C-alpha atoms as a PDB file:
ATOM      1  CA  MET A   1     -14.649   0.394 -12.977  1.00  0.00           C
ATOM      2  CA  ARG A   2     -14.567   1.071  -9.344  1.00  0.00           C
ATOM      3  CA  ILE A   3     -10.964   0.404  -7.670  1.00  0.00           C
ATOM      4  CA  LEU A   4     -10.495   0.923  -4.053  1.00  0.00           C
ATOM      5  CA  SER A   5      -7.340   0.388  -1.890  1.00  0.00           C
ATOM      6  CA  GLY A   6      -5.966   1.891   1.314  1.00  0.00           C
ATOM      7  CA  ILE A   7      -2.388   2.453   2.781  1.00  0.00           C
ATOM      8  CA  GLN A   8      -1.233   2.777   6.892  1.00  0.00           C
ATOM      9  CA  PRO A   9      -0.612   6.241   7.761  1.00  0.00           C
ATOM     10  CA  THR A  10       2.397   4.985  10.314  1.00  0.00           C
ATOM     11  CA  GLY A  11       5.742   3.928   9.931  1.00  0.00           C
ATOM     12  CA  PRO A  12       7.901   5.664   7.679  1.00  0.00           C
ATOM     13  CA  SER A  13       7.581   7.459   4.478  1.00  0.00           C
ATOM     14  CA  TYR A  14       6.309   5.585   1.683  1.00  0.00           C
ATOM     15  CA  HIS A  15       9.320   4.066   0.042  1.00  0.00           C
ATOM     16  CA  ILE A  16      10.140   3.267  -3.711  1.00  0.00           C
ATOM     17  CA  GLY A  17       8.484  -0.191  -3.427  1.00  0.00           C
ATOM     18  CA  ASN A  18       5.130   1.183  -2.373  1.00  0.00           C
ATOM     19  CA  TYR A  19       5.118   3.670  -5.207  1.00  0.00           C
ATOM     20  CA  LEU A  20       5.863   1.268  -7.851  1.00  0.00           C
ATOM     21  CA  GLY A  21       3.524  -1.342  -6.328  1.00  0.00           C
ATOM     22  CA  ALA A  22       0.822   0.687  -5.461  1.00  0.00           C
ATOM     23  CA  ILE A  23       0.967   4.313  -5.894  1.00  0.00           C
ATOM     24  CA  ARG A  24       1.986   4.997  -9.322  1.00  0.00           C
ATOM     25  CA  GLN A  25      -0.977   2.398 -10.213  1.00  0.00           C
ATOM     26  CA  TRP A  26      -3.655   4.861  -8.395  1.00  0.00           C
ATOM     27  CA  VAL A  27      -2.287   7.868  -9.987  1.00  0.00           C
ATOM     28  CA  ASP A  28      -2.564   6.127 -13.378  1.00  0.00           C
ATOM     29  CA  MET A  29      -6.070   4.666 -13.002  1.00  0.00           C
ATOM     30  CA  GLN A  30      -7.724   7.575 -11.553  1.00  0.00           C
ATOM     31  CA  GLN A  31      -7.866   9.040 -15.028  1.00  0.00           C
ATOM     32  CA  GLU A  32     -10.109   6.258 -16.582  1.00  0.00           C
ATOM     33  CA  HIS A  33     -11.679   4.677 -13.485  1.00  0.00           C
ATOM     34  CA  GLU A  34     -13.667   5.588 -10.205  1.00  0.00           C
ATOM     35  CA  LEU A  35     -10.967   5.512  -7.488  1.00  0.00           C
ATOM     36  CA  ILE A  36     -11.631   5.401  -3.667  1.00  0.00           C
ATOM     37  CA  VAL A  37      -8.307   5.359  -1.609  1.00  0.00           C
ATOM     38  CA  PHE A  38      -8.249   5.741   2.042  1.00  0.00           C
ATOM     39  CA  ILE A  39      -5.933   6.173   5.012  1.00  0.00           C
ATOM     40  CA  ALA A  40      -6.333   3.098   7.224  1.00  0.00           C
ATOM     41  CA  ASP A  41      -5.752   4.451  10.935  1.00  0.00           C
ATOM     42  CA  LEU A  42      -7.975   1.731  12.535  1.00  0.00           C
ATOM     43  CA  HIS A  43      -5.273  -0.623  10.852  1.00  0.00           C
ATOM     44  CA  ALA A  44      -2.644   1.162  12.301  1.00  0.00           C
ATOM     45  CA  ILE A  45      -3.475   0.630  15.993  1.00  0.00           C
ATOM     46  CA  THR A  46      -3.283  -3.038  15.959  1.00  0.00           C
ATOM     47  CA  VAL A  47       0.201  -2.164  17.295  1.00  0.00           C
ATOM     48  CA  PRO A  48       0.895   0.628  20.074  1.00  0.00           C
ATOM     49  CA  GLN A  49       0.744   4.051  18.781  1.00  0.00           C
ATOM     50  CA  SER A  50       0.861   7.394  20.687  1.00  0.00           C
ATOM     51  CA  PRO A  51      -2.211   9.221  19.867  1.00  0.00           C
ATOM     52  CA  GLY A  52      -0.464  12.691  19.088  1.00  0.00           C
ATOM     53  CA  PHE A  53       1.619  10.605  16.473  1.00  0.00           C
ATOM     54  CA  LEU A  54      -1.275   8.673  15.093  1.00  0.00           C
ATOM     55  CA  SER A  55      -3.180  11.809  14.222  1.00  0.00           C
ATOM     56  CA  ARG A  56      -0.099  13.849  13.175  1.00  0.00           C
ATOM     57  CA  ALA A  57       0.703  10.618  10.692  1.00  0.00           C
ATOM     58  CA  THR A  58      -2.651  10.811   8.931  1.00  0.00           C
ATOM     59  CA  MET A  59      -2.127  14.299   7.965  1.00  0.00           C
ATOM     60  CA  GLU A  60       1.500  13.623   6.905  1.00  0.00           C
ATOM     61  CA  LYS A  61       0.357  10.371   4.860  1.00  0.00           C
ATOM     62  CA  THR A  62      -2.160  12.208   3.151  1.00  0.00           C
ATOM     63  CA  SER A  63      -0.012  15.240   2.138  1.00  0.00           C
ATOM     64  CA  GLU A  64       2.222  12.631   0.959  1.00  0.00           C
ATOM     65  CA  LEU A  65      -0.413  10.649  -1.522  1.00  0.00           C
ATOM     66  CA  LEU A  66      -1.516  14.448  -2.796  1.00  0.00           C
ATOM     67  CA  ALA A  67       2.114  14.695  -3.044  1.00  0.00           C
ATOM     68  CA  LEU A  68       2.441  11.981  -5.270  1.00  0.00           C
ATOM     69  CA  GLY A  69      -0.214  12.459  -7.881  1.00  0.00           C
ATOM     70  CA  ILE A  70      -3.509  11.677  -5.934  1.00  0.00           C
ATOM     71  CA  ASP A  71      -5.893  14.074  -7.447  1.00  0.00           C
ATOM     72  CA  PRO A  72      -8.726  14.834  -5.183  1.00  0.00           C
ATOM     73  CA  GLU A  73     -10.920  16.091  -7.915  1.00  0.00           C
ATOM     74  CA  ARG A  74     -10.792  12.537  -9.524  1.00  0.00           C
ATOM     75  CA  THR A  75     -10.528  10.456  -6.403  1.00  0.00           C
ATOM     76  CA  THR A  76     -12.477   9.888  -3.451  1.00  0.00           C
ATOM     77  CA  LEU A  77      -9.576  10.148  -0.545  1.00  0.00           C
ATOM     78  CA  PHE A  78     -10.755   9.770   3.224  1.00  0.00           C
ATOM     79  CA  VAL A  79      -9.695   8.401   6.771  1.00  0.00           C
ATOM     80  CA  GLN A  80     -11.252   4.943   7.497  1.00  0.00           C
ATOM     81  CA  SER A  81     -11.983   5.897  10.961  1.00  0.00           C
ATOM     82  CA  HIS A  82     -14.279   8.621   9.619  1.00  0.00           C
ATOM     83  CA  ILE A  83     -16.720   6.050   8.307  1.00  0.00           C
ATOM     84  CA  GLN A  84     -17.891   3.974  11.132  1.00  0.00           C
ATOM     85  CA  GLU A  85     -19.274   1.398   8.585  1.00  0.00           C
ATOM     86  CA  HIS A  86     -15.934  -0.026   8.346  1.00  0.00           C
ATOM     87  CA  ALA A  87     -16.136  -1.611  11.979  1.00  0.00           C
ATOM     88  CA  GLU A  88     -19.730  -2.486  12.036  1.00  0.00           C
ATOM     89  CA  LEU A  89     -19.553  -4.558   8.739  1.00  0.00           C
ATOM     90  CA  ALA A  90     -16.163  -6.268  10.012  1.00  0.00           C
ATOM     91  CA  TRP A  91     -17.984  -7.355  13.266  1.00  0.00           C
ATOM     92  CA  ILE A  92     -20.981  -9.007  10.798  1.00  0.00           C
ATOM     93  CA  LEU A  93     -18.075 -10.574   8.838  1.00  0.00           C
ATOM     94  CA  SER A  94     -16.337 -11.770  11.715  1.00  0.00           C
ATOM     95  CA  THR A  95     -19.384 -14.037  12.440  1.00  0.00           C
ATOM     96  CA  LEU A  96     -18.677 -15.833   9.215  1.00  0.00           C
ATOM     97  CA  THR A  97     -14.912 -16.050   9.520  1.00  0.00           C
ATOM     98  CA  PRO A  98     -13.299 -19.010  11.243  1.00  0.00           C
ATOM     99  CA  VAL A  99     -10.640 -18.484  13.809  1.00  0.00           C
ATOM    100  CA  GLY A 100      -8.389 -21.239  11.810  1.00  0.00           C
ATOM    101  CA  GLU A 101      -8.381 -19.111   8.548  1.00  0.00           C
ATOM    102  CA  LEU A 102      -7.304 -15.988  10.519  1.00  0.00           C
ATOM    103  CA  GLU A 103      -4.536 -17.789  12.314  1.00  0.00           C
ATOM    104  CA  ARG A 104      -2.985 -19.186   9.022  1.00  0.00           C
ATOM    105  CA  MET A 105      -2.631 -15.774   7.552  1.00  0.00           C
ATOM    106  CA  THR A 106       1.201 -14.940   7.142  1.00  0.00           C
ATOM    107  CA  GLN A 107       0.903 -11.398   7.971  1.00  0.00           C
ATOM    108  CA  PHE A 108      -0.530 -12.383  11.664  1.00  0.00           C
ATOM    109  CA  LYS A 109       2.263 -14.971  11.857  1.00  0.00           C
ATOM    110  CA  ASP A 110       4.913 -12.362  11.103  1.00  0.00           C
ATOM    111  CA  LYS A 111       3.501  -9.414  13.222  1.00  0.00           C
ATOM    112  CA  ALA A 112       2.711 -11.769  16.034  1.00  0.00           C
ATOM    113  CA  LYS A 113       6.597 -12.581  16.089  1.00  0.00           C
ATOM    114  CA  LYS A 114       7.339  -8.784  15.729  1.00  0.00           C
ATOM    115  CA  HIS A 115       5.369  -7.664  18.518  1.00  0.00           C
ATOM    116  CA  ALA A 116       5.192 -10.984  20.834  1.00  0.00           C
ATOM    117  CA  GLN A 117       4.225  -8.781  23.859  1.00  0.00           C
ATOM    118  CA  HIS A 118       1.097  -7.034  22.128  1.00  0.00           C
ATOM    119  CA  ILE A 119      -0.653 -10.017  20.271  1.00  0.00           C
ATOM    120  CA  ASN A 120      -4.133  -8.575  20.226  1.00  0.00           C
ATOM    121  CA  ALA A 121      -7.551  -9.874  18.873  1.00  0.00           C
ATOM    122  CA  GLY A 122      -7.399  -6.719  16.483  1.00  0.00           C
ATOM    123  CA  LEU A 123      -4.291  -8.137  14.788  1.00  0.00           C
ATOM    124  CA  LEU A 124      -5.985 -11.392  14.567  1.00  0.00           C
ATOM    125  CA  ASN A 125      -8.756  -9.847  13.133  1.00  0.00           C
ATOM    126  CA  TYR A 126      -7.043  -7.211  10.786  1.00  0.00           C
ATOM    127  CA  PRO A 127      -8.151  -9.307   7.366  1.00  0.00           C
ATOM    128  CA  VAL A 128     -11.711  -9.271   8.547  1.00  0.00           C
ATOM    129  CA  LEU A 129     -11.703  -5.262   8.732  1.00  0.00           C
ATOM    130  CA  GLN A 130      -9.700  -5.221   5.574  1.00  0.00           C
ATOM    131  CA  ALA A 131     -12.639  -7.519   3.866  1.00  0.00           C
ATOM    132  CA  ALA A 132     -14.862  -4.963   5.396  1.00  0.00           C
ATOM    133  CA  ASP A 133     -13.059  -2.228   3.724  1.00  0.00           C
ATOM    134  CA  ILE A 134     -12.834  -3.502   0.546  1.00  0.00           C
ATOM    135  CA  LEU A 135     -16.521  -5.142   0.457  1.00  0.00           C
ATOM    136  CA  LEU A 136     -18.405  -2.109   1.685  1.00  0.00           C
ATOM    137  CA  TYR A 137     -17.678   0.010  -1.424  1.00  0.00           C
ATOM    138  CA  LYS A 138     -18.266  -3.095  -3.780  1.00  0.00           C
ATOM    139  CA  PRO A 139     -14.979  -2.645  -6.061  1.00  0.00           C
ATOM    140  CA  GLU A 140     -14.549  -4.599  -9.069  1.00  0.00           C
ATOM    141  CA  GLY A 141     -10.749  -4.455  -8.624  1.00  0.00           C
ATOM    142  CA  VAL A 142      -8.114  -3.561  -5.725  1.00  0.00           C
ATOM    143  CA  PRO A 143      -4.628  -3.332  -6.497  1.00  0.00           C
ATOM    144  CA  ILE A 144      -2.823  -5.211  -4.308  1.00  0.00           C
ATOM    145  CA  GLY A 145       1.172  -6.136  -3.724  1.00  0.00           C
ATOM    146  CA  LYS A 146       2.023  -9.969  -4.136  1.00  0.00           C
ATOM    147  CA  ASP A 147       2.113 -10.114  -0.400  1.00  0.00           C
ATOM    148  CA  GLN A 148      -1.744  -9.205   0.034  1.00  0.00           C
ATOM    149  CA  VAL A 149      -3.018 -11.846  -2.300  1.00  0.00           C
ATOM    150  CA  GLN A 150      -3.940 -13.819   0.653  1.00  0.00           C
ATOM    151  CA  HIS A 151      -5.890 -11.126   2.389  1.00  0.00           C
ATOM    152  CA  LEU A 152      -7.856 -10.531  -0.887  1.00  0.00           C
ATOM    153  CA  GLU A 153      -8.821 -14.006  -1.289  1.00  0.00           C
ATOM    154  CA  LEU A 154     -10.320 -13.981   2.278  1.00  0.00           C
ATOM    155  CA  SER A 155     -12.462 -10.891   1.070  1.00  0.00           C
ATOM    156  CA  ARG A 156     -13.475 -12.863  -2.116  1.00  0.00           C
ATOM    157  CA  THR A 157     -14.446 -15.979   0.357  1.00  0.00           C
ATOM    158  CA  LEU A 158     -16.614 -14.056   2.898  1.00  0.00           C
ATOM    159  CA  ALA A 159     -18.213 -12.080  -0.002  1.00  0.00           C
ATOM    160  CA  ARG A 160     -19.407 -15.664  -1.508  1.00  0.00           C
ATOM    161  CA  LYS A 161     -20.166 -16.535   2.227  1.00  0.00           C
ATOM    162  CA  PHE A 162     -22.298 -13.646   2.886  1.00  0.00           C
ATOM    163  CA  ASN A 163     -24.042 -13.947  -0.378  1.00  0.00           C
ATOM    164  CA  ASN A 164     -24.704 -17.656  -0.224  1.00  0.00           C
ATOM    165  CA  THR A 165     -26.151 -17.127   3.457  1.00  0.00           C
ATOM    166  CA  TYR A 166     -28.113 -14.031   3.325  1.00  0.00           C
ATOM    167  CA  GLY A 167     -28.623 -13.337  -0.337  1.00  0.00           C
ATOM    168  CA  GLU A 168     -26.848 -11.706  -3.426  1.00  0.00           C
ATOM    169  CA  THR A 169     -25.013  -8.335  -1.869  1.00  0.00           C
ATOM    170  CA  PHE A 170     -21.084  -8.216  -2.669  1.00  0.00           C
ATOM    171  CA  LEU A 171     -18.768  -8.119  -5.531  1.00  0.00           C
ATOM    172  CA  GLU A 172     -16.086 -10.588  -5.612  1.00  0.00           C
ATOM    173  CA  PRO A 173     -13.081  -7.933  -6.544  1.00  0.00           C
ATOM    174  CA  ARG A 174     -10.313  -9.108  -8.529  1.00  0.00           C
ATOM    175  CA  ALA A 175      -6.630  -8.477  -7.799  1.00  0.00           C
ATOM    176  CA  ILE A 176      -4.719  -5.978  -9.778  1.00  0.00           C
ATOM    177  CA  VAL A 177      -1.142  -6.968  -9.332  1.00  0.00           C
ATOM    178  CA  PRO A 178       1.366  -5.168 -11.305  1.00  0.00           C
ATOM    179  CA  LYS A 179       3.619  -7.104 -13.839  1.00  0.00           C
ATOM    180  CA  GLU A 180       6.815  -5.320 -12.733  1.00  0.00           C
ATOM    181  CA  GLY A 181       7.816  -3.455  -9.765  1.00  0.00           C
ATOM    182  CA  GLY A 182       5.594  -5.416  -7.427  1.00  0.00           C
ATOM    183  CA  LYS A 183       8.616  -6.578  -5.244  1.00  0.00           C
ATOM    184  CA  ILE A 184      11.515  -4.085  -4.718  1.00  0.00           C
ATOM    185  CA  LEU A 185      13.846  -5.473  -2.480  1.00  0.00           C
ATOM    186  CA  SER A 186      15.638  -4.438   0.311  1.00  0.00           C
ATOM    187  CA  LEU A 187      19.274  -2.736  -0.552  1.00  0.00           C
ATOM    188  CA  GLN A 188      20.828  -4.444   2.027  1.00  0.00           C
ATOM    189  CA  ASP A 189      19.468  -8.103   2.025  1.00  0.00           C
ATOM    190  CA  PRO A 190      18.293  -8.228  -1.633  1.00  0.00           C
ATOM    191  CA  LYS A 191      16.889 -11.745  -1.026  1.00  0.00           C
ATOM    192  CA  LYS A 192      13.524  -9.988   0.826  1.00  0.00           C
ATOM    193  CA  LYS A 193      11.173  -7.465   0.157  1.00  0.00           C
ATOM    194  CA  MET A 194      12.239  -3.948   0.737  1.00  0.00           C
ATOM    195  CA  SER A 195       9.948  -2.901   3.796  1.00  0.00           C
ATOM    196  CA  LYS A 196       8.836   0.348   5.945  1.00  0.00           C
ATOM    197  CA  SER A 197       9.358  -1.520   9.138  1.00  0.00           C
ATOM    198  CA  ASP A 198      12.840  -2.439   8.161  1.00  0.00           C
ATOM    199  CA  PRO A 199      15.757   0.168   8.931  1.00  0.00           C
ATOM    200  CA  ALA A 200      16.265   3.050   6.914  1.00  0.00           C
ATOM    201  CA  ASP A 201      19.450   2.140   5.035  1.00  0.00           C
ATOM    202  CA  THR A 202      17.486  -0.794   3.544  1.00  0.00           C
ATOM    203  CA  GLN A 203      14.881   1.468   1.608  1.00  0.00           C
ATOM    204  CA  ILE A 204      14.518   4.566  -0.182  1.00  0.00           C
ATOM    205  CA  SER A 205      11.960   6.885   0.734  1.00  0.00           C
ATOM    206  CA  LEU A 206      10.275   8.666  -1.631  1.00  0.00           C
ATOM    207  CA  PHE A 207      10.994  11.838   0.369  1.00  0.00           C
ATOM    208  CA  ASP A 208      14.625  11.285   0.921  1.00  0.00           C
ATOM    209  CA  THR A 209      17.031  14.145   0.125  1.00  0.00           C
ATOM    210  CA  GLU A 210      19.241  13.878  -2.694  1.00  0.00           C
ATOM    211  CA  GLU A 211      22.285  13.033  -0.547  1.00  0.00           C
ATOM    212  CA  GLN A 212      20.606  10.395   1.326  1.00  0.00           C
ATOM    213  CA  ILE A 213      19.275   8.611  -1.901  1.00  0.00           C
ATOM    214  CA  LYS A 214      22.539   8.560  -3.350  1.00  0.00           C
ATOM    215  CA  LYS A 215      24.381   7.446  -0.374  1.00  0.00           C
ATOM    216  CA  LYS A 216      22.071   4.358   0.176  1.00  0.00           C
ATOM    217  CA  VAL A 217      22.445   3.134  -3.382  1.00  0.00           C
ATOM    218  CA  LYS A 218      26.179   3.528  -3.251  1.00  0.00           C
ATOM    219  CA  LYS A 219      26.096   1.153  -0.084  1.00  0.00           C
ATOM    220  CA  ALA A 220      23.164  -1.249  -1.642  1.00  0.00           C
ATOM    221  CA  VAL A 221      24.352  -4.784  -1.366  1.00  0.00           C
ATOM    222  CA  THR A 222      25.729  -6.339  -4.750  1.00  0.00           C
ATOM    223  CA  ASP A 223      26.767 -10.083  -6.116  1.00  0.00           C
ATOM    224  CA  MET A 224      29.964 -11.631  -6.653  1.00  0.00           C
ATOM    225  CA  GLY A 225      31.845 -11.263 -10.119  1.00  0.00           C
ATOM    226  CA  SER A 226      31.452  -7.983 -12.234  1.00  0.00           C
ATOM    227  CA  GLU A 227      29.155  -8.988 -15.056  1.00  0.00           C
ATOM    228  CA  ILE A 228      25.664  -6.749 -15.154  1.00  0.00           C
ATOM    229  CA  THR A 229      22.977  -9.242 -15.611  1.00  0.00           C
ATOM    230  CA  TYR A 230      19.575  -9.859 -14.574  1.00  0.00           C
ATOM    231  CA  SER A 231      19.121 -12.850 -12.856  1.00  0.00           C
ATOM    232  CA  PRO A 232      17.239 -12.769  -9.598  1.00  0.00           C
ATOM    233  CA  SER A 233      18.076 -16.035  -8.172  1.00  0.00           C
ATOM    234  CA  GLU A 234      22.215 -15.568  -8.988  1.00  0.00           C
ATOM    235  CA  LYS A 235      22.583 -11.828  -8.932  1.00  0.00           C
ATOM    236  CA  PRO A 236      19.621 -10.477  -6.427  1.00  0.00           C
ATOM    237  CA  GLY A 237      21.340  -7.495  -5.648  1.00  0.00           C
ATOM    238  CA  ILE A 238      22.310  -6.640  -9.254  1.00  0.00           C
ATOM    239  CA  SER A 239      19.062  -7.284 -10.744  1.00  0.00           C
ATOM    240  CA  ASN A 240      17.388  -5.029  -8.224  1.00  0.00           C
ATOM    241  CA  LEU A 241      19.340  -2.201  -9.172  1.00  0.00           C
ATOM    242  CA  LEU A 242      18.474  -2.897 -12.902  1.00  0.00           C
ATOM    243  CA  LEU A 243      14.905  -3.184 -12.351  1.00  0.00           C
ATOM    244  CA  LEU A 244      14.816   0.064 -10.705  1.00  0.00           C
ATOM    245  CA  PHE A 245      16.713   1.857 -13.440  1.00  0.00           C
ATOM    246  CA  SER A 246      13.849   0.439 -16.004  1.00  0.00           C
ATOM    247  CA  LEU A 247      11.226   1.195 -13.989  1.00  0.00           C
ATOM    248  CA  PHE A 248      12.143   4.959 -13.029  1.00  0.00           C
ATOM    249  CA  GLY A 249      13.657   5.322 -16.490  1.00  0.00           C
ATOM    250  CA  ASN A 250      10.855   3.963 -18.227  1.00  0.00           C
ATOM    251  CA  GLY A 251      12.923   1.307 -19.951  1.00  0.00           C
ATOM    252  CA  SER A 252      12.876  -2.280 -19.827  1.00  0.00           C
ATOM    253  CA  VAL A 253      15.101  -4.525 -18.109  1.00  0.00           C
ATOM    254  CA  LYS A 254      16.910  -5.904 -21.423  1.00  0.00           C
ATOM    255  CA  GLU A 255      17.777  -2.302 -22.202  1.00  0.00           C
ATOM    256  CA  ALA A 256      19.165  -1.649 -19.019  1.00  0.00           C
ATOM    257  CA  GLU A 257      21.136  -4.661 -19.187  1.00  0.00           C
ATOM    258  CA  GLU A 258      22.655  -3.393 -22.714  1.00  0.00           C
ATOM    259  CA  HIS A 259      23.098   0.045 -21.122  1.00  0.00           C
ATOM    260  CA  PHE A 260      25.297  -1.213 -18.216  1.00  0.00           C
ATOM    261  CA  LYS A 261      27.178  -3.730 -20.374  1.00  0.00           C
ATOM    262  CA  ASN A 262      31.003  -3.684 -19.637  1.00  0.00           C
ATOM    263  CA  LYS A 263      30.464  -0.708 -17.313  1.00  0.00           C
ATOM    264  CA  GLY A 264      30.996  -2.213 -13.763  1.00  0.00           C
ATOM    265  CA  TYR A 265      28.987  -2.139 -10.589  1.00  0.00           C
ATOM    266  CA  ALA A 266      30.247   1.331  -9.276  1.00  0.00           C
ATOM    267  CA  LYS A 267      28.814   2.914 -12.642  1.00  0.00           C
ATOM    268  CA  LEU A 268      25.564   1.250 -12.088  1.00  0.00           C
ATOM    269  CA  LYS A 269      25.027   2.496  -8.871  1.00  0.00           C
ATOM    270  CA  LYS A 270      26.131   5.936  -9.774  1.00  0.00           C
ATOM    271  CA  GLU A 271      23.287   6.120 -12.460  1.00  0.00           C
ATOM    272  CA  VAL A 272      20.826   4.346 -10.301  1.00  0.00           C
ATOM    273  CA  GLY A 273      21.387   7.011  -7.587  1.00  0.00           C
ATOM    274  CA  ASP A 274      21.363  10.193  -9.643  1.00  0.00           C
ATOM    275  CA  LEU A 275      18.190   8.841 -11.780  1.00  0.00           C
ATOM    276  CA  LEU A 276      16.166   8.477  -8.425  1.00  0.00           C
ATOM    277  CA  ALA A 277      17.328  11.437  -6.966  1.00  0.00           C
ATOM    278  CA  GLU A 278      16.257  13.328 -10.140  1.00  0.00           C
ATOM    279  CA  LYS A 279      12.544  11.611 -10.278  1.00  0.00           C
ATOM    280  CA  LEU A 280      12.086  11.771  -6.572  1.00  0.00           C
ATOM    281  CA  ALA A 281      12.794  15.622  -5.974  1.00  0.00           C
ATOM    282  CA  PRO A 282       9.340  16.794  -7.378  1.00  0.00           C
ATOM    283  CA  PHE A 283       7.729  14.536  -4.808  1.00  0.00           C
ATOM    284  CA  ARG A 284       9.910  16.021  -1.776  1.00  0.00           C
ATOM    285  CA  GLU A 285       8.923  19.510  -2.779  1.00  0.00           C
ATOM    286  CA  ARG A 286       5.188  19.083  -3.095  1.00  0.00           C
ATOM    287  CA  LYS A 287       5.128  17.481   0.260  1.00  0.00           C
ATOM    288  CA  ALA A 288       6.521  20.409   1.903  1.00  0.00           C
ATOM    289  CA  THR A 289       3.976  22.432   0.347  1.00  0.00           C
ATOM    290  CA  PHE A 290       1.071  20.466   1.148  1.00  0.00           C
ATOM    291  CA  LEU A 291       2.135  20.361   4.783  1.00  0.00           C
ATOM    292  CA  LYS A 292       1.890  23.953   5.137  1.00  0.00           C
ATOM    293  CA  ARG A 293      -1.589  23.722   3.785  1.00  0.00           C
ATOM    294  CA  GLU A 294      -3.567  21.958   6.767  1.00  0.00           C
ATOM    295  CA  VAL A 295      -6.693  23.386   6.203  1.00  0.00           C
ATOM    296  CA  TYR A 296      -6.822  22.673   2.865  1.00  0.00           C
ATOM    297  CA  VAL A 297      -5.902  18.741   3.335  1.00  0.00           C
ATOM    298  CA  ARG A 298      -8.517  18.659   6.172  1.00  0.00           C
ATOM    299  CA  GLU A 299     -11.134  20.217   3.711  1.00  0.00           C
ATOM    300  CA  ILE A 300     -10.033  17.413   1.199  1.00  0.00           C
ATOM    301  CA  LEU A 301     -10.673  14.642   3.753  1.00  0.00           C
ATOM    302  CA  THR A 302     -13.862  15.990   4.718  1.00  0.00           C
ATOM    303  CA  ARG A 303     -15.399  15.848   1.350  1.00  0.00           C
ATOM    304  CA  GLY A 304     -13.832  12.664   0.505  1.00  0.00           C
ATOM    305  CA  ALA A 305     -15.339  11.001   3.765  1.00  0.00           C
ATOM    306  CA  LYS A 306     -18.954  12.571   2.461  1.00  0.00           C
ATOM    307  CA  GLN A 307     -18.604  10.966  -0.861  1.00  0.00           C
ATOM    308  CA  ALA A 308     -17.360   7.988   0.821  1.00  0.00           C
ATOM    309  CA  ARG A 309     -20.156   7.687   3.499  1.00  0.00           C
ATOM    310  CA  PHE A 310     -22.872   7.989   0.850  1.00  0.00           C
ATOM    311  CA  ILE A 311     -21.605   4.640  -0.766  1.00  0.00           C
ATOM    312  CA  ALA A 312     -21.058   3.200   2.872  1.00  0.00           C
ATOM    313  CA  SER A 313     -24.387   4.059   4.078  1.00  0.00           C
ATOM    314  CA  SER A 314     -26.373   2.431   1.192  1.00  0.00           C
ATOM    315  CA  THR A 315     -24.004  -0.627   1.473  1.00  0.00           C
ATOM    316  CA  MET A 316     -25.219  -0.927   5.229  1.00  0.00           C
ATOM    317  CA  GLN A 317     -28.367  -0.410   5.068  1.00  0.00           C
ATOM    318  CA  ASP A 318     -28.761  -3.656   2.601  1.00  0.00           C
ATOM    319  CA  VAL A 319     -26.419  -5.547   4.819  1.00  0.00           C
ATOM    320  CA  ARG A 320     -28.793  -5.051   7.946  1.00  0.00           C
ATOM    321  CA  GLU A 321     -31.776  -5.952   6.491  1.00  0.00           C
ATOM    322  CA  LYS A 322     -30.522  -9.315   4.909  1.00  0.00           C
ATOM    323  CA  VAL A 323     -28.832 -10.164   8.150  1.00  0.00           C
ATOM    324  CA  GLY A 324     -32.278  -9.197  10.122  1.00  0.00           C
ATOM    325  CA  LEU A 325     -31.060  -6.762  12.279  1.00  0.00           C
ATOM    326  CA  LEU A 326     -33.948  -4.567  13.577  1.00  0.00           C
ATOM    327  CA  LEU A 327     -33.936  -1.519  11.771  1.00  0.00           C
ATOM    328  CA  PRO A 328     -34.778   1.985  13.747  1.00  0.00           C
END
């Protein structure tokens, strides 16, 4: 099965929610499936970016993906802007997309509030480019977090519209949503999802130091009472910590509950902090190694772009012919 996903290069480093909700899936999937992963730098410029920072961030995020287990021998890894067909297909798909559909997108509303002085057409058309990113490679599945379901549904809708208008061309990819770990919550506000755009103390970066990890977990918001039980509605803070312990400890939430029975909140925080520090240390070490090997990382991206371009150019040739564009 061909599976595709992308991730933006800007913002803080990947946090544990990104890892559990997406990246760990990619690492597992590349063993059995054809995996395509891209760094979504074109999406990043929908909000103001320093050009020098953006290019450095792209290299850093690539190094992070490699450190987390993405294998360039098994996975096609490339930078979105290196494949011009993404933008071309996005333009064609935009002619099939009602503006009202885009204005209803949850992420557009959220980003428009956060960047009120920079509400641009790119921010509005973000989901169309995302649909192009996906449909261009005709994947059968797309690993997504629960907050991205709306965008994938637009991709499926546009695939149907194009097929109905111009003839069978695109697959309608299905969502691959993790059963657990898809929604790790903020350490300081455990009623909302952990987000890279929120303050550093609300999240645990995959590349935090041991001291930073333990300090953040120790300060995590908990709930009234002293009983350690998994109840997201009544005890969101404790439930979040139990979920982390189970996911990184490769056990069930029930087993985590039993393990911490009658142990108290302080013991829970200490063990969660110790476990995360142990599990994340190899990521930090491997990232430092890849950052020192810039030429090697660039070679990986060049090779990945060549592989991606082979698929993308074939798809666009078919699209151009069906739309009726005069071929050179």
